[in-house]
């Protein structure tokens, strides 16, 4: 009973913190309304980081990342990929919605590009921006590089590494960091090797860090896959990468 009360209190406190630190920014993709979140330092001229959330849309992990990035001197914007009224309610609908954008990658790249525009409109220095993404958002980070979006670098955090092999490998100018859990059943050896081939053929500046004893959602404290030690290392690797390319 006490544990339940404490958990409820912590959730309420985190919700209050997020509402104080993050503000909604509404924008459009045609007729579709999108609702992203921006950190409280919006409007200042600072390096910017676009955060692409996991397959259920904007969640606590993305919000926590945004607040932590603000502490490091970045403006952070969390993208709304699905749009108002289209946020998945469960795993089945999340798989369907995220699968649509993975297949229709041009639409995914467009939604990311629109969010990147909002980040820059809110003060981020145009040539000092990066994209980080979790899970489905990690796929989006790679698509940002593939789509030649104007960013200095991308970080894919336990994202899907696969790409339709009918797509040609092209030049990749954004620096790429892939944070890959060793025991992610969603990433096959072929996926891994094909990504390396793609990045090499694209003459990319790339790095893959693999985290031992880690399953798919190893960075999410709410997940049974959470690995605290490796999650902290991954976050420190993210910050190191962002400092190198943006500051």
Protein backbone atom coordinates (compact mmCIF):
# COMPACT_ATOMS: atom_id res chain seq x y z
CA UNK A 1 0.00 0.00 0.00
CA UNK A 2 2.79 2.41 1.00
CA UNK A 3 4.73 1.55 -2.16
CA UNK A 4 1.65 2.26 -4.27
CA UNK A 5 1.18 5.65 -2.60
CA UNK A 6 4.85 6.54 -3.12
CA UNK A 7 4.70 5.55 -6.78
CA UNK A 8 1.56 7.64 -7.31
CA UNK A 9 3.21 10.61 -5.58
CA UNK A 10 6.33 10.30 -7.76
CA UNK A 11 4.25 10.15 -10.94
CA UNK A 12 2.28 13.25 -9.90
CA UNK A 13 5.50 15.09 -9.04
CA UNK A 14 7.10 14.22 -12.37
CA UNK A 15 3.99 15.39 -14.19
CA UNK A 16 4.17 18.74 -12.41
CA UNK A 17 7.87 19.07 -13.22
CA UNK A 18 7.28 18.35 -16.91
CA UNK A 19 4.46 20.90 -17.11
CA UNK A 20 6.69 23.55 -15.52
CA UNK A 21 9.71 22.84 -17.69
CA UNK A 22 8.14 21.94 -21.05
CA UNK A 23 5.71 23.99 -23.09
CA UNK A 24 3.47 22.82 -25.91
CA UNK A 25 4.22 24.08 -29.41
CA UNK A 26 1.50 23.43 -31.98
CA UNK A 27 2.36 23.24 -35.66
CA UNK A 28 0.91 21.75 -38.84
CA UNK A 29 1.53 19.19 -41.51
CA UNK A 30 -1.18 20.21 -43.94
CA UNK A 31 -4.49 19.68 -42.14
CA UNK A 32 -2.91 17.57 -39.40
CA UNK A 33 -2.23 19.39 -36.13
CA UNK A 34 0.97 18.37 -34.32
CA UNK A 35 1.80 19.13 -30.68
CA UNK A 36 5.46 19.09 -29.74
CA UNK A 37 7.13 20.12 -26.49
CA UNK A 38 9.89 22.70 -26.05
CA UNK A 39 12.19 23.39 -23.10
CA UNK A 40 11.86 26.59 -21.05
CA UNK A 41 15.01 28.14 -22.56
CA UNK A 42 13.28 28.54 -25.93
CA UNK A 43 14.04 31.86 -27.59
CA UNK A 44 17.69 31.96 -26.60
CA UNK A 45 20.40 31.42 -29.19
CA UNK A 46 21.71 28.00 -28.21
CA UNK A 47 22.57 24.66 -29.82
CA UNK A 48 19.45 22.56 -30.31
CA UNK A 49 18.53 18.91 -30.01
CA UNK A 50 15.45 17.38 -31.60
CA UNK A 51 14.13 14.37 -29.67
CA UNK A 52 12.19 11.66 -31.50
CA UNK A 53 10.11 9.60 -29.05
CA UNK A 54 9.40 5.88 -29.01
CA UNK A 55 6.53 4.14 -30.77
CA UNK A 56 3.72 5.35 -28.46
CA UNK A 57 4.55 9.00 -28.99
CA UNK A 58 5.78 11.58 -26.49
CA UNK A 59 6.56 9.79 -23.23
CA UNK A 60 8.37 10.32 -19.93
CA UNK A 61 11.72 9.13 -21.26
CA UNK A 62 11.64 11.78 -24.00
CA UNK A 63 10.50 14.46 -21.53
CA UNK A 64 13.24 13.57 -19.06
CA UNK A 65 15.83 13.70 -21.83
CA UNK A 66 14.61 17.17 -22.85
CA UNK A 67 14.90 18.54 -19.32
CA UNK A 68 18.36 17.02 -18.87
CA UNK A 69 19.50 18.47 -22.19
CA UNK A 70 18.32 21.92 -21.12
CA UNK A 71 20.58 21.61 -18.07
CA UNK A 72 23.47 20.97 -20.46
CA UNK A 73 22.81 24.20 -22.35
CA UNK A 74 20.69 22.92 -25.25
CA UNK A 75 17.24 23.90 -26.44
CA UNK A 76 15.36 20.62 -26.79
CA UNK A 77 12.21 20.00 -28.81
CA UNK A 78 10.23 16.75 -28.66
CA UNK A 79 8.60 15.98 -31.99
CA UNK A 80 5.02 14.85 -32.41
CA UNK A 81 5.22 12.36 -35.26
CA UNK A 82 1.65 11.03 -35.25
CA UNK A 83 -0.40 14.16 -34.67
CA UNK A 84 -3.35 15.18 -32.54
CA UNK A 85 -5.98 12.46 -32.29
CA UNK A 86 -3.66 9.79 -33.67
CA UNK A 87 -1.52 8.86 -30.66
CA UNK A 88 -1.42 5.05 -30.23
CA UNK A 89 -3.24 3.77 -27.17
CA UNK A 90 -1.63 0.33 -26.95
CA UNK A 91 1.20 -1.79 -28.33
CA UNK A 92 -0.86 -3.13 -31.21
CA UNK A 93 -1.79 0.31 -32.51
CA UNK A 94 1.75 1.58 -31.83
CA UNK A 95 3.19 -1.22 -33.94
CA UNK A 96 0.78 -0.38 -36.75
CA UNK A 97 1.40 3.37 -36.63
CA UNK A 98 5.17 3.17 -36.33
CA UNK A 99 5.27 0.49 -39.01
CA UNK A 100 3.47 2.82 -41.38
CA UNK A 101 6.13 5.51 -41.00
CA UNK A 102 8.98 3.02 -41.26
CA UNK A 103 7.54 1.81 -44.56
CA UNK A 104 6.64 5.30 -45.77
CA UNK A 105 9.95 6.79 -44.75
CA UNK A 106 9.50 9.94 -46.84
CA UNK A 107 6.53 10.89 -44.65
CA UNK A 108 8.56 10.13 -41.53
CA UNK A 109 11.39 12.32 -42.78
CA UNK A 110 8.91 15.11 -43.51
CA UNK A 111 7.46 15.00 -39.97
CA UNK A 112 11.00 15.10 -38.56
CA UNK A 113 11.88 18.03 -40.83
CA UNK A 114 8.82 19.98 -39.68
CA UNK A 115 9.80 19.42 -36.04
CA UNK A 116 13.34 20.52 -36.81
CA UNK A 117 11.92 23.76 -38.23
CA UNK A 118 10.11 24.37 -34.93
CA UNK A 119 13.31 23.78 -32.98
CA UNK A 120 15.08 26.42 -35.06
CA UNK A 121 12.14 28.85 -34.86
CA UNK A 122 12.45 28.62 -31.09
CA UNK A 123 16.05 29.77 -31.00
CA UNK A 124 18.24 26.80 -31.90
CA UNK A 125 21.30 27.84 -33.90
CA UNK A 126 20.74 26.54 -37.43
CA UNK A 127 24.13 24.92 -37.93
CA UNK A 128 24.30 23.54 -34.38
CA UNK A 129 21.44 21.07 -34.24
CA UNK A 130 21.26 17.31 -33.78
CA UNK A 131 18.63 14.57 -33.60
CA UNK A 132 18.38 11.87 -30.97
CA UNK A 133 15.73 9.17 -30.90
CA UNK A 134 14.56 6.24 -28.84
CA UNK A 135 13.24 2.95 -30.29
CA UNK A 136 11.01 4.04 -33.21
CA UNK A 137 12.62 7.45 -32.76
CA UNK A 138 16.03 5.81 -33.09
CA UNK A 139 14.93 4.66 -36.53
CA UNK A 140 13.92 8.25 -37.18
CA UNK A 141 17.37 9.48 -36.19
CA UNK A 142 18.88 7.26 -38.88
CA UNK A 143 16.23 8.45 -41.35
CA UNK A 144 17.27 12.02 -40.58
CA UNK A 145 20.75 11.15 -41.82
CA UNK A 146 19.42 9.20 -44.80
CA UNK A 147 17.10 12.07 -45.69
CA UNK A 148 19.97 14.58 -45.64
CA UNK A 149 18.23 16.77 -43.07
CA UNK A 150 20.37 19.78 -42.08
CA UNK A 151 21.77 18.48 -38.79
CA UNK A 152 25.31 18.03 -37.51
CA UNK A 153 24.69 14.56 -36.17
CA UNK A 154 22.20 11.92 -35.07
CA UNK A 155 21.99 9.45 -32.18
CA UNK A 156 19.97 6.25 -32.55
CA UNK A 157 19.20 4.78 -29.11
CA UNK A 158 18.02 1.16 -29.33
CA UNK A 159 16.48 1.95 -32.70
CA UNK A 160 15.68 -0.45 -35.50
CA UNK A 161 18.72 -0.59 -37.77
CA UNK A 162 17.02 -2.21 -40.77
CA UNK A 163 16.43 -0.47 -44.06
CA UNK A 164 14.58 -1.80 -47.09
CA UNK A 165 17.35 -3.27 -49.21
CA UNK A 166 15.71 -1.93 -52.35
CA UNK A 167 16.79 1.54 -51.20
CA UNK A 168 20.19 2.60 -52.49
CA UNK A 169 22.98 3.53 -50.10
CA UNK A 170 23.80 7.21 -50.46
CA UNK A 171 26.23 9.74 -49.03
CA UNK A 172 25.71 10.40 -45.33
CA UNK A 173 26.99 13.77 -44.14
CA UNK A 174 25.60 13.82 -40.60
CA UNK A 175 27.80 12.22 -37.95
CA UNK A 176 26.16 9.05 -36.62
CA UNK A 177 26.20 7.44 -33.18
CA UNK A 178 24.29 4.17 -32.73
CA UNK A 179 23.68 2.95 -29.17
CA UNK A 180 22.79 -0.69 -29.62
CA UNK A 181 21.76 -3.12 -26.85
CA UNK A 182 23.57 -6.43 -27.24
CA UNK A 183 20.49 -8.55 -26.56
CA UNK A 184 17.98 -6.65 -28.70
CA UNK A 185 16.02 -9.40 -30.46
CA UNK A 186 14.68 -6.85 -32.94
CA UNK A 187 18.12 -6.34 -34.48
CA UNK A 188 19.44 -9.21 -36.59
CA UNK A 189 23.08 -9.75 -37.58
CA UNK A 190 22.09 -8.83 -41.14
CA UNK A 191 20.54 -5.57 -39.94
CA UNK A 192 23.71 -4.71 -38.06
CA UNK A 193 26.06 -5.60 -40.90
CA UNK A 194 23.93 -3.89 -43.54
CA UNK A 195 23.95 -0.67 -41.53
CA UNK A 196 27.74 -0.76 -41.28
CA UNK A 197 27.91 -1.35 -45.03
CA UNK A 198 25.51 1.55 -45.63
CA UNK A 199 27.49 3.92 -43.44
CA UNK A 200 30.81 2.93 -44.99
CA UNK A 201 29.48 3.29 -48.52
CA UNK A 202 28.06 6.68 -47.51
CA UNK A 203 31.50 7.68 -46.20
CA UNK A 204 29.90 8.55 -42.87
CA UNK A 205 31.61 9.53 -39.64
CA UNK A 206 30.03 6.76 -37.57
CA UNK A 207 30.33 4.86 -34.33
CA UNK A 208 28.37 1.95 -32.86
CA UNK A 209 28.49 1.29 -29.12
CA UNK A 210 27.04 -2.04 -27.99
CA UNK A 211 25.83 -2.39 -24.39
CA UNK A 212 26.32 -5.78 -22.72
CA UNK A 213 23.49 -7.64 -20.98
CA UNK A 214 20.99 -5.15 -22.38
CA UNK A 215 17.65 -5.81 -24.02
CA UNK A 216 15.67 -3.53 -26.30
CA UNK A 217 14.40 -0.77 -23.98
CA UNK A 218 17.39 -0.80 -21.66
CA UNK A 219 17.40 3.00 -21.18
CA UNK A 220 13.78 3.31 -19.98
CA UNK A 221 13.42 3.20 -16.16
CA UNK A 222 9.82 2.03 -16.54
CA UNK A 223 10.76 -0.98 -18.67
CA UNK A 224 11.53 -4.46 -17.31
CA UNK A 225 14.52 -4.30 -19.68
CA UNK A 226 16.00 -1.33 -17.81
CA UNK A 227 19.73 -1.66 -17.15
CA UNK A 228 20.70 1.26 -14.92
CA UNK A 229 24.46 0.95 -15.39
CA UNK A 230 24.29 0.72 -19.17
CA UNK A 231 21.57 3.40 -19.39
CA UNK A 232 23.82 5.87 -17.55
CA UNK A 233 26.74 5.00 -19.82
CA UNK A 234 24.58 5.45 -22.91
CA UNK A 235 23.41 8.88 -21.72
CA UNK A 236 26.99 9.94 -21.03
CA UNK A 237 27.97 8.76 -24.50
CA UNK A 238 25.11 10.82 -25.95
CA UNK A 239 26.24 13.94 -24.08
CA UNK A 240 29.85 13.43 -25.16
CA UNK A 241 28.79 13.12 -28.80
CA UNK A 242 26.55 16.20 -28.64
CA UNK A 243 29.27 18.28 -26.98
CA UNK A 244 31.73 17.30 -29.71
CA UNK A 245 29.47 18.18 -32.65
CA UNK A 246 27.50 21.15 -31.25
CA UNK A 247 29.78 23.09 -28.93
